[in-house]
Amino acid sequence: MISKGKYLIWLIFSILLVSNVFVFLHSMKLSDKINHFEKEIKNLHQENLTLENKIYAVDSLQYAASIAAQFDFNQKAQPMYLENLKYARGQ
């Protein structure tokens, strides 16, 4: 009985050891994947900030004024009133 008990204990110990190594190796792979995705998230965050700054620059009034100056637009438009019959009738 004692020898069967020893073999059973060694068998259980061996199974636990192998499972511990498997879990350790699996956790190392997951750790590498997590680090990879964290780096990718940081890169995407930086790219997002860059794109936001470009959007703010394009959306600004200074950008609109510079584009208007390039196309020779006047700063103030001359309003057309419908009180003049020429514009009201479309002539």
N, C-alpha and C. Protein backbone atom coordinates (compact mmCIF):
# COMPACT_ATOMS: atom_id res chain seq x y z
N MET A 1 0.80 -1.20 0.00
CA MET A 1 0.00 0.00 0.00
C MET A 1 0.84 1.26 0.00
N ILE A 2 1.96 1.20 0.72
CA ILE A 2 2.79 2.39 0.83
C ILE A 2 3.40 2.72 -0.53
N SER A 3 3.82 1.74 -1.26
CA SER A 3 4.43 2.00 -2.56
C SER A 3 3.39 2.56 -3.54
N LYS A 4 2.13 2.07 -3.48
CA LYS A 4 1.08 2.64 -4.35
C LYS A 4 0.80 4.08 -3.96
N GLY A 5 0.82 4.37 -2.68
CA GLY A 5 0.61 5.74 -2.20
C GLY A 5 1.70 6.68 -2.67
N LYS A 6 2.97 6.19 -2.63
CA LYS A 6 4.07 7.01 -3.11
C LYS A 6 3.94 7.28 -4.60
N TYR A 7 3.61 6.25 -5.37
CA TYR A 7 3.45 6.43 -6.81
C TYR A 7 2.29 7.38 -7.12
N LEU A 8 1.24 7.27 -6.35
CA LEU A 8 0.10 8.16 -6.55
C LEU A 8 0.48 9.60 -6.24
N ILE A 9 1.23 9.80 -5.16
CA ILE A 9 1.67 11.15 -4.81
C ILE A 9 2.61 11.70 -5.88
N TRP A 10 3.56 10.87 -6.35
CA TRP A 10 4.46 11.31 -7.40
C TRP A 10 3.71 11.60 -8.71
N LEU A 11 2.71 10.81 -9.00
CA LEU A 11 1.90 11.03 -10.19
C LEU A 11 1.15 12.36 -10.10
N ILE A 12 0.53 12.60 -8.96
CA ILE A 12 -0.19 13.87 -8.76
C ILE A 12 0.79 15.04 -8.81
N PHE A 13 1.95 14.88 -8.17
CA PHE A 13 2.97 15.93 -8.19
C PHE A 13 3.43 16.20 -9.62
N SER A 14 3.65 15.17 -10.41
CA SER A 14 4.09 15.33 -11.81
C SER A 14 3.02 16.02 -12.64
N ILE A 15 1.76 15.65 -12.45
CA ILE A 15 0.65 16.29 -13.17
C ILE A 15 0.57 17.77 -12.81
N LEU A 16 0.70 18.07 -11.54
CA LEU A 16 0.66 19.47 -11.11
C LEU A 16 1.85 20.26 -11.66
N LEU A 17 3.01 19.64 -11.69
CA LEU A 17 4.19 20.30 -12.22
C LEU A 17 4.04 20.61 -13.70
N VAL A 18 3.56 19.62 -14.47
CA VAL A 18 3.36 19.83 -15.91
C VAL A 18 2.29 20.89 -16.15
N SER A 19 1.21 20.85 -15.40
CA SER A 19 0.16 21.86 -15.58
C SER A 19 0.67 23.24 -15.18
N ASN A 20 1.52 23.32 -14.17
CA ASN A 20 2.08 24.61 -13.77
C ASN A 20 2.97 25.18 -14.87
N VAL A 21 3.79 24.34 -15.50
CA VAL A 21 4.63 24.79 -16.60
C VAL A 21 3.77 25.24 -17.77
N PHE A 22 2.71 24.50 -18.07
CA PHE A 22 1.81 24.88 -19.17
C PHE A 22 1.16 26.24 -18.89
N VAL A 23 0.69 26.43 -17.69
CA VAL A 23 0.05 27.71 -17.34
C VAL A 23 1.07 28.84 -17.40
N PHE A 24 2.28 28.59 -16.95
CA PHE A 24 3.33 29.62 -16.99
C PHE A 24 3.65 30.02 -18.42
N LEU A 25 3.83 29.04 -19.30
CA LEU A 25 4.13 29.35 -20.70
C LEU A 25 2.97 30.07 -21.38
N HIS A 26 1.77 29.65 -21.07
CA HIS A 26 0.59 30.30 -21.65
C HIS A 26 0.49 31.75 -21.16
N SER A 27 0.80 31.98 -19.90
CA SER A 27 0.74 33.35 -19.37
C SER A 27 1.83 34.22 -19.99
N MET A 28 2.97 33.64 -20.32
CA MET A 28 4.03 34.41 -20.99
C MET A 28 3.58 34.85 -22.38
N LYS A 29 2.92 33.94 -23.11
CA LYS A 29 2.41 34.30 -24.44
C LYS A 29 1.36 35.41 -24.33
N LEU A 30 0.49 35.29 -23.35
CA LEU A 30 -0.53 36.32 -23.16
C LEU A 30 0.10 37.66 -22.78
N SER A 31 1.14 37.61 -21.99
CA SER A 31 1.84 38.83 -21.60
C SER A 31 2.45 39.52 -22.82
N ASP A 32 3.03 38.75 -23.72
CA ASP A 32 3.58 39.32 -24.95
C ASP A 32 2.48 39.94 -25.81
N LYS A 33 1.36 39.28 -25.90
CA LYS A 33 0.24 39.84 -26.68
C LYS A 33 -0.27 41.13 -26.05
N ILE A 34 -0.36 41.16 -24.73
CA ILE A 34 -0.82 42.36 -24.04
C ILE A 34 0.13 43.51 -24.30
N ASN A 35 1.43 43.26 -24.22
CA ASN A 35 2.42 44.32 -24.50
C ASN A 35 2.31 44.81 -25.93
N HIS A 36 2.10 43.90 -26.86
CA HIS A 36 1.94 44.28 -28.26
C HIS A 36 0.72 45.19 -28.44
N PHE A 37 -0.40 44.81 -27.85
CA PHE A 37 -1.61 45.60 -28.00
C PHE A 37 -1.51 46.93 -27.27
N GLU A 38 -0.79 46.98 -26.15
CA GLU A 38 -0.60 48.26 -25.47
C GLU A 38 0.22 49.21 -26.33
N LYS A 39 1.26 48.70 -27.00
CA LYS A 39 2.04 49.55 -27.90
C LYS A 39 1.18 50.03 -29.07
N GLU A 40 0.35 49.13 -29.58
CA GLU A 40 -0.53 49.52 -30.70
C GLU A 40 -1.54 50.58 -30.26
N ILE A 41 -2.04 50.45 -29.04
CA ILE A 41 -2.98 51.44 -28.51
C ILE A 41 -2.29 52.79 -28.37
N LYS A 42 -1.04 52.80 -27.89
CA LYS A 42 -0.31 54.06 -27.76
C LYS A 42 -0.09 54.70 -29.12
N ASN A 43 0.26 53.89 -30.12
CA ASN A 43 0.45 54.42 -31.47
C ASN A 43 -0.85 54.98 -32.03
N LEU A 44 -1.94 54.27 -31.83
CA LEU A 44 -3.24 54.76 -32.30
C LEU A 44 -3.66 56.03 -31.58
N HIS A 45 -3.35 56.10 -30.29
CA HIS A 45 -3.68 57.31 -29.52
C HIS A 45 -2.89 58.51 -30.06
N GLN A 46 -1.61 58.30 -30.34
CA GLN A 46 -0.79 59.38 -30.89
C GLN A 46 -1.29 59.80 -32.27
N GLU A 47 -1.65 58.83 -33.09
CA GLU A 47 -2.19 59.14 -34.41
C GLU A 47 -3.52 59.89 -34.30
N ASN A 48 -4.33 59.50 -33.32
CA ASN A 48 -5.60 60.17 -33.10
C ASN A 48 -5.38 61.62 -32.70
N LEU A 49 -4.40 61.88 -31.82
CA LEU A 49 -4.11 63.25 -31.42
C LEU A 49 -3.64 64.08 -32.61
N THR A 50 -2.81 63.48 -33.45
CA THR A 50 -2.33 64.18 -34.64
C THR A 50 -3.48 64.53 -35.58
N LEU A 51 -4.37 63.57 -35.80
CA LEU A 51 -5.52 63.83 -36.67
C LEU A 51 -6.46 64.87 -36.08
N GLU A 52 -6.65 64.84 -34.75
CA GLU A 52 -7.49 65.86 -34.11
C GLU A 52 -6.90 67.24 -34.31
N ASN A 53 -5.59 67.37 -34.17
CA ASN A 53 -4.95 68.68 -34.38
C ASN A 53 -5.11 69.14 -35.82
N LYS A 54 -5.01 68.22 -36.77
CA LYS A 54 -5.23 68.59 -38.17
C LYS A 54 -6.66 69.04 -38.40
N ILE A 55 -7.61 68.35 -37.78
CA ILE A 55 -9.02 68.72 -37.93
C ILE A 55 -9.28 70.09 -37.34
N TYR A 56 -8.71 70.35 -36.16
CA TYR A 56 -8.90 71.66 -35.54
C TYR A 56 -8.28 72.76 -36.40
N ALA A 57 -7.14 72.46 -37.02
CA ALA A 57 -6.50 73.46 -37.88
C ALA A 57 -7.35 73.73 -39.12
N VAL A 58 -7.93 72.69 -39.71
CA VAL A 58 -8.76 72.87 -40.90
C VAL A 58 -10.08 73.55 -40.54
N ASP A 59 -10.57 73.27 -39.36
CA ASP A 59 -11.87 73.81 -38.95
C ASP A 59 -11.77 75.23 -38.41
N SER A 60 -10.58 75.75 -38.23
CA SER A 60 -10.43 77.07 -37.61
C SER A 60 -10.80 78.18 -38.58
N LEU A 61 -11.10 79.32 -38.04
CA LEU A 61 -11.44 80.49 -38.85
C LEU A 61 -10.22 81.04 -39.56
N GLN A 62 -9.06 80.89 -38.96
CA GLN A 62 -7.83 81.35 -39.61
C GLN A 62 -7.58 80.58 -40.90
N TYR A 63 -7.84 79.28 -40.87
CA TYR A 63 -7.67 78.47 -42.08
C TYR A 63 -8.67 78.91 -43.14
N ALA A 64 -9.90 79.15 -42.73
CA ALA A 64 -10.92 79.60 -43.69
C ALA A 64 -10.54 80.96 -44.28
N ALA A 65 -10.00 81.83 -43.45
CA ALA A 65 -9.59 83.15 -43.96
C ALA A 65 -8.41 83.02 -44.93
N SER A 66 -7.48 82.14 -44.65
CA SER A 66 -6.34 81.98 -45.55
C SER A 66 -6.77 81.38 -46.89
N ILE A 67 -7.69 80.43 -46.86
CA ILE A 67 -8.20 79.86 -48.11
C ILE A 67 -9.00 80.91 -48.89
N ALA A 68 -9.78 81.71 -48.18
CA ALA A 68 -10.54 82.77 -48.84
C ALA A 68 -9.60 83.78 -49.49
N ALA A 69 -8.51 84.08 -48.83
CA ALA A 69 -7.55 85.02 -49.40
C ALA A 69 -6.89 84.43 -50.65
N GLN A 70 -6.65 83.14 -50.65
CA GLN A 70 -6.06 82.50 -51.83
C GLN A 70 -6.99 82.57 -53.04
N PHE A 71 -8.29 82.48 -52.81
CA PHE A 71 -9.26 82.52 -53.89
C PHE A 71 -9.80 83.92 -54.15
N ASP A 72 -9.20 84.92 -53.54
CA ASP A 72 -9.56 86.33 -53.73
C ASP A 72 -11.01 86.61 -53.38
N PHE A 73 -11.49 86.05 -52.28
CA PHE A 73 -12.83 86.37 -51.81
C PHE A 73 -12.78 87.67 -51.01
N ASN A 74 -13.86 88.42 -51.08
CA ASN A 74 -13.96 89.61 -50.24
C ASN A 74 -14.26 89.18 -48.82
N GLN A 75 -13.86 90.03 -47.89
CA GLN A 75 -14.13 89.70 -46.50
C GLN A 75 -15.60 89.87 -46.16
N LYS A 76 -16.23 90.85 -46.79
CA LYS A 76 -17.65 91.07 -46.51
C LYS A 76 -18.41 91.00 -47.83
N ALA A 77 -19.46 90.27 -47.83
CA ALA A 77 -20.28 90.15 -49.03
C ALA A 77 -21.25 91.31 -49.09
N GLN A 78 -21.57 91.71 -50.30
CA GLN A 78 -22.55 92.76 -50.49
C GLN A 78 -23.93 92.13 -50.45
N PRO A 79 -24.76 92.51 -49.50
CA PRO A 79 -26.08 91.88 -49.40
C PRO A 79 -27.01 92.33 -50.52
N MET A 80 -27.87 91.44 -50.94
CA MET A 80 -28.90 91.75 -51.94
C MET A 80 -30.23 91.73 -51.23
N TYR A 81 -30.94 92.82 -51.33
CA TYR A 81 -32.24 92.92 -50.68
C TYR A 81 -33.33 92.68 -51.71
N LEU A 82 -34.40 92.08 -51.26
CA LEU A 82 -35.51 91.80 -52.16
C LEU A 82 -36.44 93.00 -52.33
N GLU A 83 -36.06 94.11 -51.73
CA GLU A 83 -36.88 95.31 -51.89
C GLU A 83 -36.78 95.86 -53.30
N ASN A 84 -35.68 95.61 -53.93
CA ASN A 84 -35.50 96.03 -55.31
C ASN A 84 -36.23 95.02 -56.20
N LEU A 85 -37.11 95.47 -57.03
CA LEU A 85 -37.92 94.58 -57.85
C LEU A 85 -37.09 93.80 -58.87
N LYS A 86 -35.94 94.32 -59.19
CA LYS A 86 -35.09 93.62 -60.12
C LYS A 86 -34.69 92.25 -59.58
N TYR A 87 -34.42 92.17 -58.30
CA TYR A 87 -34.04 90.89 -57.69
C TYR A 87 -35.27 90.07 -57.34
N ALA A 88 -36.35 90.70 -57.01
CA ALA A 88 -37.54 89.97 -56.62
C ALA A 88 -38.14 89.21 -57.80
N ARG A 89 -38.08 89.79 -58.98
CA ARG A 89 -38.64 89.14 -60.15
C ARG A 89 -37.65 88.25 -60.86
N GLY A 90 -36.41 88.28 -60.45
CA GLY A 90 -35.38 87.44 -61.07
C GLY A 90 -34.93 87.95 -62.40
N GLN A 91 -35.00 89.24 -62.65
CA GLN A 91 -34.62 89.80 -63.97
C GLN A 91 -33.17 90.22 -63.98
